[in-house]
């Protein structure tokens, strides 16, 4: 490879990397579809968690823990 070819390859590589860095920096955040998917996932998780917490076994255990904490002597 001649010096001229090496210089052209080097120049091309610098430009390529410069373009990649600029592309990464320009990504400002999530798009609308990503927000929508995140919101749907969060709502689904909240619904499942609500069902678990309000079930009989878990509800009874939580009431027991809270009752013990409130009846603790000081």
Protein backbone atom coordinates (compact mmCIF):
# COMPACT_ATOMS: atom_id res chain seq x y z
CA UNK A 1 0.00 0.00 0.00
CA UNK A 2 1.44 3.36 -0.95
CA UNK A 3 1.56 6.39 1.32
CA UNK A 4 -1.13 8.12 -0.75
CA UNK A 5 -3.50 5.18 -0.39
CA UNK A 6 -2.83 4.99 3.35
CA UNK A 7 -3.64 8.68 3.70
CA UNK A 8 -6.92 8.26 1.80
CA UNK A 9 -7.92 5.26 3.89
CA UNK A 10 -7.02 7.13 7.07
CA UNK A 11 -9.04 10.15 5.93
CA UNK A 12 -12.01 7.95 5.04
CA UNK A 13 -11.85 6.20 8.44
CA UNK A 14 -11.76 9.53 10.28
CA UNK A 15 -14.81 10.72 8.38
CA UNK A 16 -16.62 7.46 9.02
CA UNK A 17 -15.96 7.62 12.77
CA UNK A 18 -16.92 11.30 12.86
CA UNK A 19 -20.25 10.43 11.24
CA UNK A 20 -20.85 7.58 13.72
CA UNK A 21 -20.16 9.83 16.71
CA UNK A 22 -22.50 12.48 15.33
CA UNK A 23 -25.24 9.90 14.79
CA UNK A 24 -24.94 8.62 18.35
CA UNK A 25 -25.01 12.12 19.82
CA UNK A 26 -28.08 13.09 17.83
CA UNK A 27 -30.23 10.39 19.48
CA UNK A 28 -32.09 12.65 21.90
CA UNK A 29 -34.25 10.01 23.59
CA UNK A 30 -37.13 7.65 23.15
CA UNK A 31 -39.52 7.97 20.27
CA UNK A 32 -43.28 8.10 20.66
CA UNK A 33 -43.64 4.38 19.98
CA UNK A 34 -41.06 3.58 22.66
CA UNK A 35 -42.95 5.74 25.17
CA UNK A 36 -46.18 3.96 24.23
CA UNK A 37 -44.64 0.51 24.69
CA UNK A 38 -43.11 1.54 28.02
CA UNK A 39 -46.45 2.92 29.24
CA UNK A 40 -48.30 -0.24 28.22
CA UNK A 41 -45.70 -2.43 29.92
CA UNK A 42 -45.85 -0.35 33.11
CA UNK A 43 -49.65 -0.48 33.18
CA UNK A 44 -49.60 -4.26 32.67
CA UNK A 45 -47.05 -4.72 35.45
CA UNK A 46 -49.12 -2.51 37.77
CA UNK A 47 -52.25 -4.56 37.07
CA UNK A 48 -50.47 -7.84 37.82
CA UNK A 49 -48.91 -6.42 40.99
CA UNK A 50 -52.31 -5.08 42.14
CA UNK A 51 -53.89 -8.51 41.63
CA UNK A 52 -51.13 -10.19 43.62
CA UNK A 53 -51.21 -7.71 46.50
CA UNK A 54 -55.00 -7.77 46.80
CA UNK A 55 -55.21 -11.58 46.77
CA UNK A 56 -56.35 -13.25 49.98
CA UNK A 57 -53.05 -14.73 51.10
CA UNK A 58 -50.93 -11.67 50.50
CA UNK A 59 -53.56 -9.32 51.89
CA UNK A 60 -53.79 -11.36 55.10
CA UNK A 61 -50.01 -11.45 55.48
CA UNK A 62 -49.76 -7.69 54.99
CA UNK A 63 -52.51 -7.07 57.55
CA UNK A 64 -50.71 -9.36 60.00
CA UNK A 65 -47.39 -7.55 59.57
CA UNK A 66 -49.01 -4.13 59.93
CA UNK A 67 -50.98 -5.29 62.97
CA UNK A 68 -47.84 -6.60 64.66
CA UNK A 69 -45.99 -3.39 63.92
CA UNK A 70 -48.78 -1.26 65.40
CA UNK A 71 -49.11 -3.43 68.52
CA UNK A 72 -45.37 -3.36 69.26
CA UNK A 73 -44.55 -2.02 72.73
CA UNK A 74 -42.40 1.10 72.93
